[in-house]
Amino acid sequence: MLMSSGDSEAKLSYGPNGFRVLRPGQHVFCAVTGEAVPLEDLRYWSVDLQEPYASAEAATRRLTESK
């Protein structure tokens, strides 16, 4: 049986130098804004919180909230 990632949400494991795909998909949702972020555009995430961000601003906002 072939599994298609279609237009679905991916499940990722975030590391310090990249992420690993646990469940294939096209995008993840920003933990701050809820915006869908295509995997090819994903540049910001938290290794400690294991969550993705749509932008540097969103990542900074979460970082300051979590302290």
C-alpha atoms as a PDB file:
ATOM      1  CA  MET A   1       0.000   0.000   0.000  1.00  0.00           C
ATOM      2  CA  LEU A   2       1.400   3.367  -1.020  1.00  0.00           C
ATOM      3  CA  MET A   3       1.091   6.202   1.433  1.00  0.00           C
ATOM      4  CA  SER A   4       0.555   9.646  -0.016  1.00  0.00           C
ATOM      5  CA  SER A   5       1.529  12.710   1.973  1.00  0.00           C
ATOM      6  CA  GLY A   6      -1.079  14.685  -0.006  1.00  0.00           C
ATOM      7  CA  ASP A   7      -1.821  18.031   1.582  1.00  0.00           C
ATOM      8  CA  SER A   8      -1.485  16.752   5.127  1.00  0.00           C
ATOM      9  CA  GLU A   9       0.314  17.825   8.262  1.00  0.00           C
ATOM     10  CA  ALA A  10       3.743  16.268   8.783  1.00  0.00           C
ATOM     11  CA  LYS A  11       4.989  15.092  12.171  1.00  0.00           C
ATOM     12  CA  LEU A  12       8.609  16.063  12.774  1.00  0.00           C
ATOM     13  CA  SER A  13      11.313  15.593  15.368  1.00  0.00           C
ATOM     14  CA  TYR A  14      13.312  18.824  15.699  1.00  0.00           C
ATOM     15  CA  GLY A  15      17.054  18.682  16.232  1.00  0.00           C
ATOM     16  CA  PRO A  16      19.738  21.358  16.520  1.00  0.00           C
ATOM     17  CA  ASN A  17      20.784  21.065  12.866  1.00  0.00           C
ATOM     18  CA  GLY A  18      17.588  19.992  11.165  1.00  0.00           C
ATOM     19  CA  PHE A  19      14.462  17.947  11.551  1.00  0.00           C
ATOM     20  CA  ARG A  20      13.530  14.333  10.978  1.00  0.00           C
ATOM     21  CA  VAL A  21      10.236  13.360   9.375  1.00  0.00           C
ATOM     22  CA  LEU A  22       8.262  10.993  11.603  1.00  0.00           C
ATOM     23  CA  ARG A  23       5.080  11.142   9.514  1.00  0.00           C
ATOM     24  CA  PRO A  24       5.199  12.439   5.920  1.00  0.00           C
ATOM     25  CA  GLY A  25       3.196  15.512   5.049  1.00  0.00           C
ATOM     26  CA  GLN A  26       3.334  18.793   3.200  1.00  0.00           C
ATOM     27  CA  HIS A  27       3.394  21.242   6.113  1.00  0.00           C
ATOM     28  CA  VAL A  28       3.434  21.851   9.846  1.00  0.00           C
ATOM     29  CA  PHE A  29       1.520  24.487  11.807  1.00  0.00           C
ATOM     30  CA  CYS A  30       3.315  27.352  13.539  1.00  0.00           C
ATOM     31  CA  ALA A  31       3.015  26.923  17.314  1.00  0.00           C
ATOM     32  CA  VAL A  32       2.515  30.681  17.755  1.00  0.00           C
ATOM     33  CA  THR A  33       0.399  31.840  14.804  1.00  0.00           C
ATOM     34  CA  GLY A  34      -1.263  28.602  13.669  1.00  0.00           C
ATOM     35  CA  GLU A  35      -0.123  29.364  10.120  1.00  0.00           C
ATOM     36  CA  ALA A  36       0.629  26.392   7.847  1.00  0.00           C
ATOM     37  CA  VAL A  37       4.350  26.297   7.013  1.00  0.00           C
ATOM     38  CA  PRO A  38       5.389  24.178   4.006  1.00  0.00           C
ATOM     39  CA  LEU A  39       8.282  21.883   4.953  1.00  0.00           C
ATOM     40  CA  GLU A  40      10.484  23.383   2.241  1.00  0.00           C
ATOM     41  CA  ASP A  41      10.033  26.813   3.889  1.00  0.00           C
ATOM     42  CA  LEU A  42      10.513  25.687   7.507  1.00  0.00           C
ATOM     43  CA  ARG A  43      13.525  27.501   8.962  1.00  0.00           C
ATOM     44  CA  TYR A  44      12.636  28.073  12.631  1.00  0.00           C
ATOM     45  CA  TRP A  45      11.858  25.619  15.425  1.00  0.00           C
ATOM     46  CA  SER A  46      12.614  24.878  19.058  1.00  0.00           C
ATOM     47  CA  VAL A  47      14.534  21.736  19.926  1.00  0.00           C
ATOM     48  CA  ASP A  48      13.557  22.063  23.611  1.00  0.00           C
ATOM     49  CA  LEU A  49       9.850  22.687  22.992  1.00  0.00           C
ATOM     50  CA  GLN A  50       9.706  20.486  19.852  1.00  0.00           C
ATOM     51  CA  GLU A  51       7.582  22.990  17.932  1.00  0.00           C
ATOM     52  CA  PRO A  52       7.854  24.849  14.602  1.00  0.00           C
ATOM     53  CA  TYR A  53       7.532  28.568  13.867  1.00  0.00           C
ATOM     54  CA  ALA A  54       6.488  30.444  10.740  1.00  0.00           C
ATOM     55  CA  SER A  55       9.041  33.243  11.183  1.00  0.00           C
ATOM     56  CA  ALA A  56      11.907  34.547  13.275  1.00  0.00           C
ATOM     57  CA  GLU A  57       9.432  36.930  14.929  1.00  0.00           C
ATOM     58  CA  ALA A  58       7.176  34.039  15.982  1.00  0.00           C
ATOM     59  CA  ALA A  59      10.173  32.095  17.331  1.00  0.00           C
ATOM     60  CA  THR A  60      11.349  35.134  19.305  1.00  0.00           C
ATOM     61  CA  ARG A  61       7.857  35.698  20.707  1.00  0.00           C
ATOM     62  CA  ARG A  62       7.695  32.078  21.950  1.00  0.00           C
ATOM     63  CA  LEU A  63      11.211  32.280  23.392  1.00  0.00           C
ATOM     64  CA  THR A  64      10.357  35.367  25.431  1.00  0.00           C
ATOM     65  CA  GLU A  65       7.027  33.836  26.573  1.00  0.00           C
ATOM     66  CA  SER A  66       8.657  30.595  27.732  1.00  0.00           C
ATOM     67  CA  LYS A  67      11.197  32.290  30.036  1.00  0.00           C
END
